[in-house]
N, C-alpha and C. Protein backbone atom coordinates (compact mmCIF):
# COMPACT_ATOMS: atom_id res chain seq x y z
N MET A 1 1.09 -1.05 0.09
CA MET A 1 0.10 -0.13 -0.21
C MET A 1 0.84 1.23 0.07
N LYS A 2 2.10 1.34 0.87
CA LYS A 2 2.33 2.29 0.82
C LYS A 2 3.39 2.53 -0.60
N LYS A 3 3.99 1.77 -1.35
CA LYS A 3 4.76 1.62 -2.29
C LYS A 3 3.50 2.64 -3.75
N HIS A 4 2.83 1.61 -3.45
CA HIS A 4 1.43 2.03 -4.16
C HIS A 4 1.02 4.14 -4.19
N LEU A 5 0.94 4.69 -3.07
CA LEU A 5 0.79 5.38 -2.80
C LEU A 5 2.40 6.71 -2.87
N ALA A 6 3.44 5.48 -2.87
CA ALA A 6 4.23 7.00 -2.92
C ALA A 6 5.50 6.84 -4.64
N ILE A 7 4.32 6.07 -5.20
CA ILE A 7 4.42 5.90 -6.52
C ILE A 7 3.25 6.61 -7.60
N LEU A 8 1.91 7.20 -6.73
CA LEU A 8 0.84 7.89 -7.09
C LEU A 8 1.33 9.18 -6.77
N LEU A 9 2.52 9.57 -5.98
CA LEU A 9 2.58 10.47 -5.53
C LEU A 9 3.84 10.88 -5.92
N SER A 10 4.52 10.22 -6.59
CA SER A 10 5.44 10.57 -7.36
C SER A 10 5.53 10.92 -9.17
N VAL A 11 4.49 10.36 -9.83
CA VAL A 11 3.68 10.84 -10.45
C VAL A 11 2.65 12.21 -10.84
N MET A 12 2.35 12.02 -9.84
CA MET A 12 1.57 13.84 -9.25
C MET A 12 2.21 14.83 -9.66
N LEU A 13 4.00 14.39 -8.37
CA LEU A 13 4.37 15.83 -8.74
C LEU A 13 5.63 16.20 -10.13
N THR A 14 5.47 14.63 -10.63
CA THR A 14 6.49 15.12 -12.02
C THR A 14 5.30 15.27 -12.88
N ALA A 15 3.67 15.55 -12.63
CA ALA A 15 3.12 16.04 -13.55
C ALA A 15 2.80 17.34 -13.37
N LEU A 16 2.91 17.86 -12.34
CA LEU A 16 2.74 19.33 -11.76
C LEU A 16 4.07 20.05 -12.31
N SER A 17 5.47 19.39 -11.79
CA SER A 17 6.03 19.89 -12.10
C SER A 17 6.61 20.35 -13.12
N LEU A 18 6.11 19.24 -14.94
CA LEU A 18 5.58 18.97 -15.74
C LEU A 18 4.65 20.69 -16.95
N SER A 19 4.36 20.66 -15.96
CA SER A 19 2.98 21.82 -16.47
C SER A 19 2.81 22.96 -15.90
N PHE A 20 3.89 23.68 -15.20
CA PHE A 20 4.30 24.57 -14.94
C PHE A 20 4.77 26.04 -15.96
N PRO A 21 6.22 24.89 -16.10
CA PRO A 21 6.46 25.41 -17.33
C PRO A 21 5.63 26.98 -18.85
N LEU A 22 4.70 25.57 -18.97
CA LEU A 22 4.46 25.77 -20.08
C LEU A 22 3.25 27.16 -19.77
N ARG A 23 3.18 27.13 -18.55
CA ARG A 23 2.07 28.80 -18.17
C ARG A 23 2.86 30.02 -17.89
N VAL A 24 4.27 30.02 -17.50
CA VAL A 24 5.54 30.45 -17.36
C VAL A 24 5.69 31.37 -18.41
N SER A 25 5.66 30.20 -19.67
CA SER A 25 6.24 31.06 -20.90
C SER A 25 4.84 31.77 -21.48
N ALA A 26 4.01 31.36 -21.00
CA ALA A 26 2.93 32.75 -21.60
C ALA A 26 2.76 33.71 -21.43
N GLN A 27 2.95 33.33 -19.79
CA GLN A 27 3.15 35.35 -18.89
C GLN A 27 4.17 35.80 -19.94
N THR A 28 5.63 35.08 -19.73
CA THR A 28 7.01 35.37 -20.16
C THR A 28 6.56 36.32 -21.87
N THR A 29 6.05 35.95 -22.46
CA THR A 29 5.17 35.83 -23.85
C THR A 29 4.29 37.54 -23.79
N THR A 30 3.76 37.46 -22.67
CA THR A 30 2.78 38.91 -22.76
C THR A 30 3.60 40.13 -22.12
N ALA A 31 4.61 39.41 -21.03
CA ALA A 31 5.73 40.82 -20.64
C ALA A 31 6.33 41.57 -21.37
N GLY A 32 7.01 40.33 -22.22
CA GLY A 32 7.64 40.39 -23.42
C GLY A 32 7.28 41.42 -24.62
N ALA A 33 5.87 41.14 -24.91
CA ALA A 33 5.19 42.05 -26.13
C ALA A 33 4.90 43.38 -24.98
N GLU A 34 4.93 43.87 -24.22
CA GLU A 34 4.13 45.06 -23.30
C GLU A 34 5.51 45.62 -23.57
N LYS A 35 6.51 45.07 -22.82
CA LYS A 35 8.31 45.39 -23.54
C LYS A 35 8.59 45.99 -24.79
N VAL A 36 8.16 45.34 -25.69
CA VAL A 36 8.41 45.16 -27.46
C VAL A 36 7.01 46.78 -27.32
N ARG A 37 6.50 46.47 -27.19
CA ARG A 37 5.40 47.96 -27.42
C ARG A 37 5.66 49.01 -26.29
N SER A 38 6.29 49.49 -25.53
CA SER A 38 6.50 50.48 -24.93
C SER A 38 7.79 50.55 -25.44
N LYS A 39 8.83 50.41 -25.69
CA LYS A 39 9.79 50.66 -26.64
C LYS A 39 9.87 51.15 -28.24
N VAL A 40 9.13 50.34 -28.38
CA VAL A 40 8.20 50.44 -29.75
C VAL A 40 7.96 52.18 -29.63
N GLN A 41 6.96 52.48 -28.43
CA GLN A 41 6.31 54.06 -28.76
C GLN A 41 7.60 55.04 -27.82
N SER A 42 8.16 54.60 -27.36
CA SER A 42 8.90 55.57 -27.58
C SER A 42 10.45 55.54 -28.52
N LEU A 43 10.61 54.76 -29.20
CA LEU A 43 11.19 55.48 -30.45
C LEU A 43 10.78 55.55 -31.46
N SER A 44 8.88 55.58 -31.52
CA SER A 44 8.43 56.26 -32.93
C SER A 44 8.57 57.53 -32.51
N VAL A 45 8.51 58.27 -31.46
CA VAL A 45 8.94 59.73 -30.69
C VAL A 45 9.47 60.26 -32.37
N SER A 46 10.93 59.88 -31.99
CA SER A 46 11.35 60.97 -33.20
C SER A 46 12.01 59.87 -34.41
N ARG A 47 10.51 60.26 -35.28
CA ARG A 47 10.70 59.48 -36.43
C ARG A 47 11.43 59.60 -37.56
N ASP A 48 12.78 60.17 -37.27
CA ASP A 48 14.16 60.34 -38.46
C ASP A 48 14.91 59.42 -38.01
N LYS A 49 14.61 58.43 -36.67
CA LYS A 49 16.13 57.53 -36.14
C LYS A 49 15.76 56.02 -36.64
N LYS A 50 16.51 55.49 -37.28
CA LYS A 50 16.73 54.47 -37.63
C LYS A 50 16.45 52.90 -36.56
N VAL A 51 15.76 52.03 -36.54
CA VAL A 51 15.83 50.83 -35.81
C VAL A 51 16.13 49.58 -36.39
N GLU A 52 16.10 48.36 -36.01
CA GLU A 52 16.47 47.36 -36.30
C GLU A 52 15.78 46.58 -35.53
N VAL A 53 14.43 45.58 -35.96
CA VAL A 53 13.55 45.12 -35.31
C VAL A 53 14.34 43.40 -35.84
N LYS A 54 14.05 42.95 -34.58
CA LYS A 54 14.26 41.52 -34.46
C LYS A 54 13.09 40.30 -34.11
N LEU A 55 13.21 39.72 -34.91
CA LEU A 55 12.15 39.10 -34.78
C LEU A 55 12.33 37.67 -33.98
N ARG A 56 11.25 36.81 -33.42
CA ARG A 56 11.35 35.91 -32.58
C ARG A 56 12.14 34.62 -33.91
N ASP A 57 11.81 34.37 -34.79
CA ASP A 57 12.98 33.53 -35.71
C ASP A 57 13.93 34.26 -35.93
N ASN A 58 14.74 35.06 -35.48
CA ASN A 58 15.50 35.42 -35.40
C ASN A 58 16.08 36.32 -36.77
N THR A 59 14.82 36.49 -37.48
CA THR A 59 15.13 37.86 -38.45
C THR A 59 15.35 39.25 -38.26
N LYS A 60 15.29 40.16 -39.30
CA LYS A 60 16.16 41.56 -38.88
C LYS A 60 15.50 41.79 -39.67
N TYR A 61 15.48 42.98 -39.44
CA TYR A 61 14.71 44.34 -40.45
C TYR A 61 15.07 45.52 -39.98
N LYS A 62 15.44 46.62 -40.85
CA LYS A 62 16.30 47.96 -40.19
C LYS A 62 14.85 48.46 -40.92
N GLY A 63 14.79 50.04 -40.45
CA GLY A 63 13.80 50.83 -41.57
C GLY A 63 13.45 51.65 -40.37
N TYR A 64 12.32 52.79 -40.84
CA TYR A 64 12.07 53.98 -39.59
C TYR A 64 9.80 53.38 -39.00
N ILE A 65 10.17 53.44 -37.78
CA ILE A 65 8.61 53.41 -37.56
C ILE A 65 7.54 54.40 -37.36
N THR A 66 7.05 53.65 -38.65
CA THR A 66 5.95 55.67 -39.28
C THR A 66 4.16 55.27 -38.43
N ALA A 67 3.91 54.05 -38.34
CA ALA A 67 2.81 54.44 -37.93
C ALA A 67 3.09 53.03 -36.56
N VAL A 68 2.03 53.34 -35.04
CA VAL A 68 2.15 52.54 -33.86
C VAL A 68 0.81 52.15 -33.60
N ASP A 69 0.39 51.09 -34.16
CA ASP A 69 -0.97 51.02 -33.17
C ASP A 69 -1.14 50.01 -31.99
N PRO A 70 -3.00 49.86 -31.93
CA PRO A 70 -2.26 49.22 -29.83
C PRO A 70 -1.56 47.25 -30.04
N ASP A 71 -1.78 47.08 -31.32
CA ASP A 71 -1.49 45.28 -31.51
C ASP A 71 -0.69 45.28 -32.45
N SER A 72 -0.09 46.56 -32.97
CA SER A 72 1.35 46.43 -34.41
C SER A 72 1.62 47.72 -34.10
N PHE A 73 2.89 47.34 -35.23
CA PHE A 73 3.48 48.31 -35.83
C PHE A 73 3.75 48.86 -37.21
N THR A 74 4.26 50.19 -37.48
CA THR A 74 4.52 49.73 -38.78
C THR A 74 5.92 49.87 -38.91
N LEU A 75 6.77 49.57 -39.93
CA LEU A 75 8.11 49.54 -40.04
C LEU A 75 7.88 49.93 -41.10
N THR A 76 8.92 50.78 -42.06
CA THR A 76 8.78 51.70 -43.74
C THR A 76 10.22 51.74 -43.80
N ASP A 77 10.73 50.47 -44.72
CA ASP A 77 12.39 50.71 -45.24
C ASP A 77 12.50 51.76 -45.81
N ALA A 78 13.71 52.43 -45.39
CA ALA A 78 14.17 53.72 -46.51
C ALA A 78 14.84 53.33 -47.61
N LYS A 79 15.53 52.66 -48.02
CA LYS A 79 16.00 51.77 -49.23
C LYS A 79 14.48 51.28 -50.30
N MET A 80 13.91 50.76 -50.09
CA MET A 80 12.86 50.07 -50.95
C MET A 80 11.32 51.05 -50.67
N THR A 81 10.83 51.81 -49.83
CA THR A 81 9.91 52.62 -48.92
C THR A 81 8.76 50.99 -49.57
N THR A 82 9.25 49.89 -48.60
CA THR A 82 8.34 49.48 -48.46
C THR A 82 7.75 49.57 -46.89
N GLN A 83 6.34 49.36 -46.66
CA GLN A 83 6.07 49.15 -45.57
C GLN A 83 5.90 47.92 -45.02
N GLN A 84 5.76 47.05 -43.49
CA GLN A 84 5.67 45.94 -43.17
C GLN A 84 4.50 46.22 -41.96
N LYS A 85 4.31 45.20 -41.42
CA LYS A 85 3.29 45.38 -40.04
C LYS A 85 3.72 44.31 -38.95
N PHE A 86 4.29 44.14 -38.12
CA PHE A 86 5.11 43.14 -37.23
C PHE A 86 4.01 43.53 -36.38
N SER A 87 3.23 42.79 -35.41
CA SER A 87 2.90 42.43 -34.07
C SER A 87 3.69 42.37 -33.35
N TYR A 88 3.11 42.92 -31.87
CA TYR A 88 4.35 43.06 -30.49
C TYR A 88 4.60 41.82 -30.16
N SER A 89 3.82 40.39 -30.48
CA SER A 89 4.08 39.30 -29.82
C SER A 89 5.18 38.68 -30.96
N GLU A 90 5.20 38.49 -32.50
CA GLU A 90 6.11 38.71 -32.99
C GLU A 90 7.61 38.80 -32.88
N VAL A 91 7.66 39.69 -31.89
CA VAL A 91 8.82 40.91 -32.34
C VAL A 91 9.40 40.55 -30.67
N GLU A 92 11.11 39.81 -31.40
CA GLU A 92 12.12 40.07 -29.82
C GLU A 92 12.32 41.11 -29.50
N ASP A 93 12.44 42.11 -30.37
CA ASP A 93 13.63 43.06 -29.71
C ASP A 93 13.64 44.43 -30.94
N VAL A 94 13.68 45.31 -30.29
CA VAL A 94 13.50 46.52 -30.88
C VAL A 94 14.83 47.70 -30.53
N LYS A 95 15.75 47.93 -31.51
CA LYS A 95 16.54 49.26 -30.76
C LYS A 95 17.23 50.05 -31.45
N LYS A 96 17.56 51.22 -31.43
CA LYS A 96 18.28 52.41 -32.44
C LYS A 96 19.16 52.30 -33.05
N VAL A 97 19.35 52.01 -34.15
CA VAL A 97 20.35 51.24 -34.66
C VAL A 97 21.60 52.54 -34.46
N GLY A 98 22.91 52.49 -34.82
CA GLY A 98 24.20 53.28 -35.08
C GLY A 98 24.39 53.93 -33.59
N GLY A 99 24.06 52.98 -32.61
CA GLY A 99 24.23 53.55 -31.23
C GLY A 99 25.58 53.26 -30.81
N GLY A 100 26.46 54.26 -29.78
CA GLY A 100 27.33 53.62 -29.35
C GLY A 100 28.32 54.97 -29.49
N ILE A 101 29.21 54.82 -29.72
CA ILE A 101 30.74 55.49 -29.75
C ILE A 101 31.29 55.54 -31.04
N SER A 102 31.13 56.92 -32.13
CA SER A 102 31.18 57.16 -33.60
C SER A 102 33.25 57.01 -33.84
N THR A 103 33.59 56.70 -34.79
CA THR A 103 34.43 56.69 -34.84
C THR A 103 35.40 57.84 -34.82
N LYS A 104 35.00 59.04 -35.06
CA LYS A 104 35.86 60.51 -34.95
C LYS A 104 36.14 60.66 -32.77
N THR A 105 35.13 59.86 -32.01
CA THR A 105 35.37 59.87 -30.59
C THR A 105 36.55 58.52 -30.24
N TRP A 106 37.04 57.48 -31.21
CA TRP A 106 37.57 56.51 -30.65
C TRP A 106 38.86 56.85 -31.77
N ILE A 107 38.97 57.74 -31.98
CA ILE A 107 40.66 58.39 -32.98
C ILE A 107 40.49 60.05 -31.53
N ILE A 108 39.81 60.23 -31.48
CA ILE A 108 40.62 61.20 -30.15
C ILE A 108 40.91 60.61 -28.87
N ILE A 109 39.91 59.30 -28.58
CA ILE A 109 40.40 58.76 -27.83
C ILE A 109 41.96 58.27 -27.63
N GLY A 110 41.81 57.01 -29.05
CA GLY A 110 43.44 56.79 -29.03
C GLY A 110 43.94 57.69 -29.02
N SER A 111 44.92 58.97 -29.19
CA SER A 111 45.48 60.01 -29.73
C SER A 111 45.87 60.58 -28.33
N VAL A 112 45.05 60.98 -27.45
CA VAL A 112 45.08 61.10 -25.71
C VAL A 112 45.85 60.31 -25.33
N ALA A 113 45.35 58.89 -25.19
CA ALA A 113 46.17 57.68 -24.76
C ALA A 113 47.63 57.41 -24.90
N ALA A 114 47.95 57.28 -26.47
CA ALA A 114 48.80 57.41 -26.69
C ALA A 114 50.14 59.13 -26.88
N GLY A 115 49.10 60.06 -26.80
CA GLY A 115 50.45 61.35 -25.90
C GLY A 115 50.69 60.77 -24.57
N SER A 116 49.55 60.16 -24.08
CA SER A 116 49.92 60.15 -22.18
C SER A 116 50.52 59.34 -22.48
N VAL A 117 50.83 57.98 -23.06
CA VAL A 117 52.19 56.94 -21.82
C VAL A 117 53.12 57.73 -23.17
N ILE A 118 53.16 58.31 -24.54
CA ILE A 118 54.41 58.88 -24.28
C ILE A 118 55.14 59.99 -23.73
N THR A 119 54.65 60.78 -23.49
CA THR A 119 54.78 61.77 -22.47
C THR A 119 55.02 61.04 -20.93
N TRP A 120 54.70 60.16 -20.86
CA TRP A 120 54.95 59.15 -19.52
C TRP A 120 56.24 58.54 -19.66
N MET A 121 56.66 58.51 -20.45
CA MET A 121 58.27 57.79 -21.18
C MET A 121 59.08 58.45 -20.95
N ILE A 122 58.48 59.98 -21.29
CA ILE A 122 59.69 61.48 -21.57
C ILE A 122 59.83 61.44 -20.03
N VAL A 123 58.76 61.73 -19.63
CA VAL A 123 59.25 62.38 -18.22
C VAL A 123 59.48 61.63 -17.14
N LYS A 124 59.29 60.43 -16.67
CA LYS A 124 59.56 59.56 -15.93
C LYS A 124 60.87 59.41 -15.51
N PRO A 125 62.23 59.56 -16.82
CA PRO A 125 63.36 59.23 -16.42
C PRO A 125 63.72 60.24 -16.00
N ALA A 126 63.49 61.81 -16.38
CA ALA A 126 63.75 62.90 -16.33
C ALA A 126 63.27 63.05 -14.13
N PHE A 127 62.51 62.76 -13.75
CA PHE A 127 61.80 62.71 -12.02
C PHE A 127 62.70 61.58 -12.08
N CYS A 128 62.98 60.21 -12.76
CA CYS A 128 63.72 59.11 -11.60
C CYS A 128 65.04 59.10 -10.99
N ASP A 129 65.34 59.75 -11.39
CA ASP A 129 67.36 59.25 -11.54
C ASP A 129 67.48 58.17 -12.13
N GLY A 130 66.99 57.04 -12.91
CA GLY A 130 67.36 55.99 -13.39
C GLY A 130 67.69 54.95 -12.54
N GLY A 131 66.37 55.72 -11.33
CA GLY A 131 66.16 54.63 -10.36
C GLY A 131 66.64 54.83 -8.91
N ALA A 132 67.38 55.88 -9.22
CA ALA A 132 68.41 55.90 -7.93
C ALA A 132 66.64 56.26 -6.62
N VAL A 133 66.02 56.82 -6.64
CA VAL A 133 64.90 57.85 -6.59
C VAL A 133 63.15 57.09 -5.91
N THR A 134 63.30 56.85 -5.02
CA THR A 134 62.52 55.20 -4.44
C THR A 134 60.95 56.28 -3.97
N THR A 135 61.23 57.75 -4.34
CA THR A 135 59.82 58.93 -3.51
C THR A 135 59.16 59.06 -4.74
N GLY A 136 58.28 59.50 -4.84
CA GLY A 136 57.24 60.35 -5.54
C GLY A 136 56.44 59.62 -6.50
N ILE A 137 56.62 59.40 -8.18
CA ILE A 137 55.90 59.61 -9.18
C ILE A 137 57.08 58.05 -9.30
N CYS A 138 58.05 57.60 -8.84
CA CYS A 138 58.75 56.69 -9.42
C CYS A 138 58.53 55.13 -8.85
């Protein structure tokens, strides 16, 4: 009797544990759609900004958000002037294209770093006296 009860209890626990992830994934999809909706609404304020849309099947589209609806949004491709309508539930991520530091900024940062290293190589021997001084910058 105890053996049958233990088997029944283990089968019930296994069935319950397998049923919970399905409900969590449905909630995650709804939460993901809300997150995408808020991103699209914030990015659609400036219609001249190019965005990249990544769908759940890993396909990517680039263009400008031209229309925002309660359950979908429209993306217009700049090159072909075609419009595509996407549902919030089928979109994985929406982000602004061209973010990050520009090439000009990287050149300035590199020049400053190289200049400081070269200055340090010239100034250090003048202050350290060939290694005899152990205080200060040496």
